[in-house]
Amino acid sequence: MRMNKEEIRKRLNKIYDLFPEENMCEMADKLFAVIMEAFGYNKYNEEGIKDFILATV
C-alpha cells in the first residue's frame, strides 16, 4: 500500500514535533537522512520512505 504525500507529511510532522527547537530540527534532518539512506530511500525508490515511516511512527 502506497501512502500519498499528505499522509507522509502528517506522519513526518509527528516526528518533527518531537524536535521543537530550530537546532533540534536541523539535527532531525541529519538523522532522517541517515535513517532514510539505511532504508534504501532515494529519489528513484519511493518505497523506502514508506518503510522508514512505518518503522518510526
N, C-alpha and C. Protein backbone atom coordinates (compact mmCIF):
# COMPACT_ATOMS: atom_id res chain seq x y z
N MET A 1 0.84 -1.18 0.00
CA MET A 1 0.00 0.00 0.00
C MET A 1 0.89 1.25 0.00
N ARG A 2 0.66 2.12 -0.94
CA ARG A 2 1.46 3.34 -1.02
C ARG A 2 0.74 4.47 -0.31
N MET A 3 1.50 5.32 0.34
CA MET A 3 0.92 6.48 1.02
C MET A 3 1.01 7.68 0.09
N ASN A 4 -0.01 8.52 0.17
CA ASN A 4 0.07 9.74 -0.62
C ASN A 4 0.94 10.76 0.12
N LYS A 5 1.28 11.83 -0.56
CA LYS A 5 2.20 12.81 0.02
C LYS A 5 1.63 13.45 1.28
N GLU A 6 0.32 13.66 1.32
CA GLU A 6 -0.27 14.29 2.51
C GLU A 6 -0.14 13.39 3.73
N GLU A 7 -0.37 12.10 3.55
CA GLU A 7 -0.23 11.15 4.66
C GLU A 7 1.22 11.09 5.13
N ILE A 8 2.14 11.10 4.20
CA ILE A 8 3.57 11.10 4.56
C ILE A 8 3.89 12.37 5.35
N ARG A 9 3.40 13.52 4.87
CA ARG A 9 3.67 14.78 5.54
C ARG A 9 3.12 14.78 6.97
N LYS A 10 1.91 14.27 7.17
CA LYS A 10 1.33 14.20 8.51
C LYS A 10 2.20 13.38 9.45
N ARG A 11 2.65 12.25 8.96
CA ARG A 11 3.47 11.38 9.81
C ARG A 11 4.83 11.99 10.09
N LEU A 12 5.41 12.65 9.10
CA LEU A 12 6.69 13.31 9.33
C LEU A 12 6.54 14.45 10.33
N ASN A 13 5.42 15.16 10.27
CA ASN A 13 5.20 16.26 11.21
C ASN A 13 5.14 15.75 12.64
N LYS A 14 4.60 14.55 12.85
CA LYS A 14 4.57 13.97 14.20
C LYS A 14 5.99 13.81 14.72
N ILE A 15 6.88 13.37 13.84
CA ILE A 15 8.27 13.19 14.25
C ILE A 15 8.92 14.55 14.51
N TYR A 16 8.69 15.52 13.62
CA TYR A 16 9.30 16.85 13.80
C TYR A 16 8.78 17.54 15.05
N ASP A 17 7.55 17.23 15.48
CA ASP A 17 7.02 17.82 16.71
C ASP A 17 7.85 17.44 17.93
N LEU A 18 8.59 16.35 17.82
CA LEU A 18 9.45 15.93 18.91
C LEU A 18 10.69 16.82 19.03
N PHE A 19 10.94 17.64 18.00
CA PHE A 19 12.12 18.49 17.95
C PHE A 19 11.70 19.95 17.77
N PRO A 20 11.16 20.59 18.83
CA PRO A 20 10.59 21.93 18.67
C PRO A 20 11.61 23.04 18.43
N GLU A 21 12.82 22.87 18.90
CA GLU A 21 13.82 23.93 18.73
C GLU A 21 14.45 23.82 17.35
N GLU A 22 14.79 24.97 16.80
CA GLU A 22 15.32 25.01 15.43
C GLU A 22 16.56 24.14 15.26
N ASN A 23 17.49 24.22 16.21
CA ASN A 23 18.70 23.42 16.08
C ASN A 23 18.39 21.92 16.17
N MET A 24 17.35 21.58 16.92
CA MET A 24 16.95 20.18 17.00
C MET A 24 16.36 19.73 15.67
N CYS A 25 15.68 20.64 14.98
CA CYS A 25 15.13 20.29 13.66
C CYS A 25 16.27 20.01 12.68
N GLU A 26 17.33 20.78 12.77
CA GLU A 26 18.49 20.51 11.92
C GLU A 26 19.06 19.13 12.23
N MET A 27 19.12 18.82 13.52
CA MET A 27 19.60 17.51 13.94
C MET A 27 18.69 16.41 13.39
N ALA A 28 17.39 16.65 13.47
CA ALA A 28 16.42 15.67 12.97
C ALA A 28 16.59 15.47 11.47
N ASP A 29 16.86 16.54 10.74
CA ASP A 29 17.08 16.42 9.29
C ASP A 29 18.26 15.50 9.00
N LYS A 30 19.33 15.68 9.76
CA LYS A 30 20.51 14.84 9.54
C LYS A 30 20.21 13.39 9.90
N LEU A 31 19.53 13.20 11.02
CA LEU A 31 19.16 11.85 11.45
C LEU A 31 18.26 11.19 10.41
N PHE A 32 17.29 11.97 9.92
CA PHE A 32 16.38 11.50 8.88
C PHE A 32 17.16 11.00 7.67
N ALA A 33 18.11 11.80 7.21
CA ALA A 33 18.87 11.46 6.02
C ALA A 33 19.61 10.14 6.21
N VAL A 34 20.21 9.96 7.37
CA VAL A 34 20.96 8.74 7.64
C VAL A 34 20.04 7.53 7.67
N ILE A 35 18.92 7.66 8.38
CA ILE A 35 18.00 6.52 8.51
C ILE A 35 17.35 6.21 7.16
N MET A 36 16.95 7.24 6.43
CA MET A 36 16.32 7.00 5.13
C MET A 36 17.28 6.32 4.18
N GLU A 37 18.55 6.70 4.25
CA GLU A 37 19.55 6.05 3.41
C GLU A 37 19.67 4.58 3.79
N ALA A 38 19.60 4.29 5.09
CA ALA A 38 19.68 2.90 5.55
C ALA A 38 18.50 2.08 5.04
N PHE A 39 17.35 2.71 4.88
CA PHE A 39 16.18 2.01 4.36
C PHE A 39 16.16 1.97 2.84
N GLY A 40 17.19 2.49 2.21
CA GLY A 40 17.29 2.43 0.76
C GLY A 40 16.49 3.49 0.04
N TYR A 41 16.09 4.56 0.74
CA TYR A 41 15.31 5.61 0.08
C TYR A 41 16.23 6.49 -0.76
N ASN A 42 15.81 6.76 -1.94
CA ASN A 42 16.42 7.80 -2.76
C ASN A 42 15.35 8.29 -3.72
N LYS A 43 15.67 9.25 -4.57
CA LYS A 43 14.64 9.82 -5.43
C LYS A 43 14.09 8.81 -6.43
N TYR A 44 14.75 7.68 -6.58
CA TYR A 44 14.27 6.66 -7.50
C TYR A 44 13.53 5.53 -6.79
N ASN A 45 13.50 5.56 -5.46
CA ASN A 45 12.92 4.46 -4.70
C ASN A 45 11.97 4.98 -3.62
N GLU A 46 10.72 5.27 -4.01
CA GLU A 46 9.77 5.84 -3.06
C GLU A 46 9.30 4.83 -2.03
N GLU A 47 9.44 3.54 -2.29
CA GLU A 47 9.03 2.54 -1.31
C GLU A 47 9.87 2.64 -0.04
N GLY A 48 11.10 3.09 -0.16
CA GLY A 48 11.97 3.23 1.01
C GLY A 48 11.40 4.18 2.04
N ILE A 49 10.76 5.27 1.60
CA ILE A 49 10.18 6.22 2.54
C ILE A 49 9.03 5.59 3.29
N LYS A 50 8.24 4.76 2.62
CA LYS A 50 7.13 4.08 3.29
C LYS A 50 7.67 3.18 4.39
N ASP A 51 8.69 2.40 4.09
CA ASP A 51 9.28 1.51 5.09
C ASP A 51 9.82 2.30 6.27
N PHE A 52 10.46 3.42 5.99
CA PHE A 52 11.01 4.26 7.04
C PHE A 52 9.91 4.79 7.96
N ILE A 53 8.84 5.31 7.36
CA ILE A 53 7.76 5.88 8.17
C ILE A 53 7.07 4.80 8.99
N LEU A 54 6.80 3.67 8.40
CA LEU A 54 6.14 2.60 9.14
C LEU A 54 7.00 2.12 10.31
N ALA A 55 8.30 2.19 10.16
CA ALA A 55 9.20 1.74 11.22
C ALA A 55 9.33 2.77 12.34
N THR A 56 9.04 4.04 12.05
CA THR A 56 9.30 5.08 13.04
C THR A 56 8.05 5.67 13.68
N VAL A 57 6.90 5.51 13.08
CA VAL A 57 5.69 6.17 13.62
C VAL A 57 4.76 5.14 14.22
